[in-house]
Amino acid sequence: MPELPEVEVVRLGLEKGVAGRTIAKVDVHHDRAVRRHTAGARDFADLLRGRTVLAARRRGKYLWLPLDSGDALTGHLGMSGQLLVVPASKPIEAHLRIRFAFTDEGRELRFVDQRTFGGLQVVAAGAELPSTIAHIARDPLDPEFDDEQFVRRLRAKTSGVKRALLDQTLVSGIGNIYADEALWRAELHGGRPTELVTKPKARELLSHARDVLTESLAQGGTSFDALYVSTEGVSGLFERSLHAYGREGEPCDRCGTPIRREAWMNRSSYSCPRCQPRPRYPR
């Protein structure tokens, strides 16, 4: 699933490609793509027709486009969602779900989603911050992120530190890939109980998380398959810089020990057995 860097790359493309433009027409090709818009596809299209997109914003992994009506077009990419800004003459994609045309007759916005886990909706009065994502915490790249509050809340939890990093009400935008990378840099096993993470170590972990997110963003994010792309259809390159995630059996870049893969919450976790020893009483 796309994490902060991948979603931020999309946001930047939307800011460049659709902000300031007025929507002329919306075609919903698959009702599942607007399933969160409970009033249905026709209402979704009616609310957007004639509205001007003011900007493109993000909170964690969620995107929204503030509209001149005061409402917001919100979206989550899910497992395979793509928001593409393409010429109107471009052939229709195989998994096109929603198509937006603009009054200037320039490039279209298309929502393509092979697995249909993502979706869009219009949130009333959501231009400033949609109510549907108000519970999502700020992310480490947000200028208003409170580092010390994060440290306090992390250490107050009773879970493994990786589970805490993936708690979007604690810190947003970090998923499985970047949690493993930050933990590798901090030399922490993901099962280490949060209450045993010292304040200096928690600050170090946050610093590593911020660094890895920033570095990934600079390379367009991480693309393990052709589904994670920018609005221009370009894949990210950060996969080449990963130290832990997806590197089972490869030598650790720090000590040379083969990277291990462990089953974790129906996913996989990657770590170095030597640099990140399992805690005696993991959570």
Protein backbone atom coordinates (compact mmCIF):
# COMPACT_ATOMS: atom_id res chain seq x y z
CA MET A 1 0.00 0.00 0.00
CA PRO A 2 1.38 3.47 -0.82
CA GLU A 3 2.86 5.26 2.17
CA LEU A 4 3.68 8.91 2.80
CA PRO A 5 6.35 9.41 0.09
CA GLU A 6 4.26 7.78 -2.62
CA VAL A 7 1.13 9.74 -1.67
CA GLU A 8 3.07 13.00 -1.41
CA VAL A 9 4.43 12.45 -4.92
CA VAL A 10 0.83 12.11 -6.12
CA ARG A 11 -0.21 15.24 -4.17
CA LEU A 12 2.53 17.27 -5.82
CA GLY A 13 1.35 16.07 -9.22
CA LEU A 14 -2.25 17.00 -8.43
CA GLU A 15 -1.18 20.45 -7.21
CA LYS A 16 0.55 21.01 -10.52
CA GLY A 17 -2.01 19.30 -12.73
CA VAL A 18 -5.48 20.20 -11.42
CA ALA A 19 -5.30 23.03 -8.86
CA GLY A 20 -7.03 26.16 -10.16
CA ARG A 21 -9.04 24.26 -12.76
CA THR A 22 -12.82 23.86 -12.94
CA ILE A 23 -14.44 20.45 -13.31
CA ALA A 24 -16.73 20.19 -16.33
CA LYS A 25 -17.78 16.54 -16.20
CA VAL A 26 -17.41 13.48 -13.98
CA ASP A 27 -17.96 9.96 -15.27
CA VAL A 28 -18.09 7.17 -12.70
CA HIS A 29 -17.26 3.89 -14.42
CA HIS A 30 -17.46 1.67 -11.33
CA ASP A 31 -19.72 2.30 -8.32
CA ARG A 32 -17.25 0.63 -5.95
CA ALA A 33 -14.85 3.53 -6.51
CA VAL A 34 -17.35 5.88 -4.79
CA ARG A 35 -18.72 3.40 -2.24
CA ARG A 36 -17.72 5.73 0.63
CA HIS A 37 -19.90 8.43 -0.94
CA THR A 38 -23.12 7.01 0.45
CA ALA A 39 -25.42 9.22 -1.65
CA GLY A 40 -24.22 7.41 -4.75
CA ALA A 41 -22.41 8.03 -8.01
CA ARG A 42 -24.89 10.56 -9.44
CA ASP A 43 -24.74 12.75 -6.34
CA PHE A 44 -20.94 12.47 -6.36
CA ALA A 45 -20.80 13.76 -9.94
CA ASP A 46 -23.40 16.48 -9.35
CA LEU A 47 -21.51 17.90 -6.37
CA LEU A 48 -18.30 18.16 -8.39
CA ARG A 49 -19.59 19.50 -11.69
CA GLY A 50 -18.76 23.22 -12.01
CA ARG A 51 -16.56 23.26 -8.92
CA THR A 52 -13.03 24.70 -8.98
CA VAL A 53 -10.18 22.79 -7.36
CA LEU A 54 -8.31 25.16 -5.05
CA ALA A 55 -5.31 23.05 -4.03
CA ALA A 56 -4.11 19.52 -3.28
CA ARG A 57 -3.54 18.51 0.34
CA ARG A 58 -2.54 15.43 2.30
CA ARG A 59 -2.81 14.04 5.83
CA GLY A 60 -0.71 10.90 6.17
CA LYS A 61 -1.77 8.54 3.36
CA TYR A 62 -4.99 10.44 2.61
CA LEU A 63 -5.43 13.06 -0.10
CA TRP A 64 -8.00 15.76 -0.57
CA LEU A 65 -8.76 18.51 -3.06
CA PRO A 66 -10.40 21.57 -1.45
CA LEU A 67 -13.19 22.94 -3.65
CA ASP A 68 -14.57 26.45 -4.05
CA SER A 69 -17.86 25.18 -2.59
CA GLY A 70 -16.15 24.57 0.77
CA ASP A 71 -16.43 20.81 0.25
CA ALA A 72 -13.52 18.45 -0.42
CA LEU A 73 -12.90 15.66 -2.88
CA THR A 74 -11.10 13.09 -0.73
CA GLY A 75 -9.31 9.96 -1.74
CA HIS A 76 -7.35 6.94 -0.59
CA LEU A 77 -5.30 4.95 -3.09
CA GLY A 78 -5.76 1.61 -1.33
CA MET A 79 -3.59 -1.20 -2.68
CA SER A 80 -3.46 -0.22 -6.33
CA GLY A 81 -5.15 3.16 -6.86
CA GLN A 82 -3.64 5.68 -9.25
CA LEU A 83 -4.60 9.32 -9.83
CA LEU A 84 -3.31 10.17 -13.28
CA VAL A 85 -3.27 13.54 -15.06
CA VAL A 86 -3.23 12.63 -18.74
CA PRO A 87 -4.13 14.03 -22.17
CA ALA A 88 -7.82 13.62 -22.99
CA SER A 89 -6.78 11.76 -26.14
CA LYS A 90 -4.97 9.04 -24.20
CA PRO A 91 -6.64 5.61 -24.58
CA ILE A 92 -8.83 4.53 -21.68
CA GLU A 93 -7.00 2.48 -19.06
CA ALA A 94 -8.16 -1.10 -18.44
CA HIS A 95 -9.09 -0.36 -14.83
CA LEU A 96 -10.41 3.19 -15.17
CA ARG A 97 -12.92 3.87 -12.37
CA ILE A 98 -13.58 7.64 -12.49
CA ARG A 99 -12.84 10.21 -15.19
CA PHE A 100 -12.76 13.98 -14.65
CA ALA A 101 -12.84 16.47 -17.54
CA PHE A 102 -12.17 20.19 -17.04
CA THR A 103 -13.66 23.30 -18.63
CA ASP A 104 -10.32 24.30 -20.16
CA GLU A 105 -10.41 21.05 -22.17
CA GLY A 106 -6.85 20.28 -21.10
CA ARG A 107 -5.52 17.18 -19.39
CA GLU A 108 -8.00 14.93 -17.61
CA LEU A 109 -7.81 13.48 -14.11
CA ARG A 110 -8.38 9.73 -14.04
CA PHE A 111 -8.74 7.40 -11.07
CA VAL A 112 -7.49 3.95 -12.03
CA ASP A 113 -7.68 1.08 -9.54
CA GLN A 114 -7.05 -2.53 -10.47
CA ARG A 115 -8.04 -4.06 -7.11
CA THR A 116 -10.75 -1.49 -6.24
CA PHE A 117 -9.66 -1.16 -2.59
CA GLY A 118 -9.21 2.60 -2.98
CA GLY A 119 -11.90 5.18 -3.54
CA LEU A 120 -13.03 8.80 -3.70
CA GLN A 121 -15.82 10.72 -1.98
CA VAL A 122 -17.03 14.28 -1.51
CA VAL A 123 -17.00 15.43 2.12
CA ALA A 124 -19.26 18.37 2.95
CA ALA A 125 -17.48 21.41 4.44
CA GLY A 126 -14.21 19.46 4.30
CA ALA A 127 -12.01 21.94 2.44
CA GLU A 128 -9.89 22.79 5.48
CA LEU A 129 -9.74 19.24 6.91
CA PRO A 130 -12.28 16.55 5.95
CA SER A 131 -14.12 15.13 8.96
CA THR A 132 -13.43 11.62 7.68
CA ILE A 133 -9.70 12.00 8.34
CA ALA A 134 -9.67 14.38 11.30
CA HIS A 135 -8.61 11.49 13.57
CA ILE A 136 -5.44 10.88 11.55
CA ALA A 137 -2.30 12.21 13.25
CA ARG A 138 0.17 14.55 11.60
CA ASP A 139 3.17 12.96 9.91
CA PRO A 140 6.89 13.47 10.67
CA LEU A 141 7.31 15.80 7.68
CA ASP A 142 4.51 18.10 8.83
CA PRO A 143 5.97 21.39 10.18
CA GLU A 144 3.49 21.22 13.07
CA PHE A 145 4.41 17.67 14.10
CA ASP A 146 5.14 17.61 17.86
CA ASP A 147 8.22 15.45 18.43
CA GLU A 148 8.02 15.41 22.22
CA GLN A 149 4.33 14.54 22.21
CA PHE A 150 5.16 11.62 19.92
CA VAL A 151 7.86 10.42 22.34
CA ARG A 152 5.49 10.61 25.32
CA ARG A 153 2.63 8.86 23.55
CA LEU A 154 4.88 6.17 22.09
CA ARG A 155 6.30 5.25 25.50
CA ALA A 156 2.84 5.31 27.08
CA LYS A 157 1.56 2.63 24.72
CA THR A 158 1.64 -1.08 25.55
CA SER A 159 2.55 -2.64 22.24
CA GLY A 160 5.54 -3.51 20.13
CA VAL A 161 7.31 -0.47 18.70
CA LYS A 162 6.54 -1.42 15.10
CA ARG A 163 2.83 -1.72 15.82
CA ALA A 164 3.02 1.77 17.35
CA LEU A 165 4.72 3.20 14.27
CA LEU A 166 1.88 1.90 12.12
CA ASP A 167 -0.78 3.43 14.41
CA GLN A 168 -2.06 6.30 12.24
CA THR A 169 -3.55 8.04 15.29
CA LEU A 170 -0.04 8.30 16.77
CA VAL A 171 1.94 9.19 13.67
CA SER A 172 0.65 9.06 10.11
CA GLY A 173 2.18 8.13 6.79
CA ILE A 174 4.42 5.30 8.00
CA GLY A 175 3.58 1.84 6.72
CA ASN A 176 5.30 -1.52 6.65
CA ILE A 177 8.17 -0.53 4.36
CA TYR A 178 9.29 2.62 6.14
CA ALA A 179 8.70 1.20 9.62
CA ASP A 180 11.15 -1.61 8.84
CA GLU A 181 13.65 0.86 7.40
CA ALA A 182 13.47 3.21 10.38
CA LEU A 183 13.79 0.32 12.84
CA TRP A 184 16.83 -1.01 10.95
CA ARG A 185 18.51 2.38 11.15
CA ALA A 186 17.69 2.66 14.86
CA GLU A 187 18.85 -0.94 15.51
CA LEU A 188 15.55 -1.83 17.14
CA HIS A 189 13.48 -4.98 16.70
CA GLY A 190 9.84 -4.21 15.90
CA GLY A 191 8.64 -6.38 18.77
CA ARG A 192 10.43 -4.34 21.43
CA PRO A 193 7.84 -3.14 23.98
CA THR A 194 7.25 0.58 23.64
CA GLU A 195 7.57 1.19 27.38
CA LEU A 196 11.14 -0.13 27.21
CA VAL A 197 12.15 2.34 24.50
CA THR A 198 14.05 5.15 26.21
CA LYS A 199 13.29 8.77 25.40
CA PRO A 200 16.62 9.25 23.56
CA LYS A 201 15.99 6.07 21.56
CA ALA A 202 12.45 7.17 20.71
CA ARG A 203 13.79 10.51 19.47
CA GLU A 204 16.44 8.69 17.44
CA LEU A 205 13.80 6.41 15.91
CA LEU A 206 11.66 9.40 14.94
CA SER A 207 14.68 11.08 13.38
CA HIS A 208 15.40 7.97 11.32
CA ALA A 209 11.77 7.72 10.25
CA ARG A 210 11.84 11.36 9.12
CA ASP A 211 15.10 10.80 7.23
CA VAL A 212 13.94 7.70 5.41
CA LEU A 213 10.65 9.36 4.40
CA THR A 214 12.53 12.41 3.12
CA GLU A 215 15.04 10.31 1.17
CA SER A 216 12.29 8.20 -0.37
CA LEU A 217 10.31 11.27 -1.37
CA ALA A 218 13.37 12.67 -3.13
CA GLN A 219 13.47 9.50 -5.25
CA GLY A 220 9.76 9.45 -6.06
CA GLY A 221 8.85 6.84 -3.44
CA THR A 222 9.11 3.06 -3.56
CA SER A 223 7.58 1.14 -6.47
CA PHE A 224 7.63 -2.65 -6.10
CA ASP A 225 5.34 -3.01 -9.10
CA ALA A 226 3.85 -0.85 -11.84
CA LEU A 227 0.85 0.08 -9.67
CA TYR A 228 2.64 2.71 -7.56
CA VAL A 229 3.22 5.67 -9.87
CA SER A 230 3.08 9.45 -9.94
CA THR A 231 0.31 11.39 -11.70
CA GLU A 232 2.51 11.18 -14.80
CA GLY A 233 2.76 7.39 -14.54
CA VAL A 234 6.39 7.38 -13.33
CA SER A 235 7.61 4.77 -10.83
CA GLY A 236 9.67 5.66 -7.74
CA LEU A 237 13.26 4.50 -7.32
CA PHE A 238 13.73 4.19 -3.55
CA GLU A 239 13.53 0.39 -3.71
CA ARG A 240 17.21 0.49 -4.67
CA SER A 241 18.08 2.19 -1.35
CA LEU A 242 16.24 -0.14 1.04
CA HIS A 243 18.38 -1.69 3.78
CA ALA A 244 15.88 -4.15 5.26
CA TYR A 245 12.46 -4.38 3.62
CA GLY A 246 12.20 -7.08 0.97
CA ARG A 247 15.86 -8.15 1.39
CA GLU A 248 15.45 -11.57 3.00
CA GLY A 249 18.71 -13.52 2.87
CA GLU A 250 20.77 -10.60 1.59
CA PRO A 251 23.69 -9.36 3.75
CA CYS A 252 22.96 -6.55 6.18
CA ASP A 253 24.56 -3.35 4.89
CA ARG A 254 25.89 -2.69 8.40
CA CYS A 255 27.23 -6.06 9.63
CA GLY A 256 26.85 -8.56 6.80
CA THR A 257 24.42 -10.89 8.59
CA PRO A 258 21.67 -12.19 6.28
CA ILE A 259 18.45 -10.19 6.65
CA ARG A 260 15.60 -12.24 8.14
CA ARG A 261 11.90 -12.18 7.32
CA GLU A 262 9.35 -12.78 10.07
CA ALA A 263 5.59 -13.18 9.78
CA TRP A 264 3.87 -10.23 11.47
CA MET A 265 0.17 -9.31 11.51
CA ASN A 266 -0.52 -11.06 8.18
CA ARG A 267 2.46 -9.23 6.69
CA SER A 268 6.22 -9.63 6.69
CA SER A 269 8.81 -7.83 8.79
CA TYR A 270 12.44 -7.59 7.75
CA SER A 271 15.32 -7.01 10.15
CA CYS A 272 18.91 -7.93 10.91
CA PRO A 273 19.25 -10.73 13.52
CA ARG A 274 22.52 -9.28 14.79
CA CYS A 275 21.81 -5.55 14.72
CA GLN A 276 18.16 -5.96 15.79
CA PRO A 277 17.99 -8.89 18.21
CA ARG A 278 14.57 -10.11 19.24
CA PRO A 279 13.53 -8.85 22.68
CA ARG A 280 13.17 -11.49 25.38
CA TYR A 281 9.49 -10.61 25.90
CA PRO A 282 8.34 -9.17 22.56
CA ARG A 283 4.98 -7.60 21.90
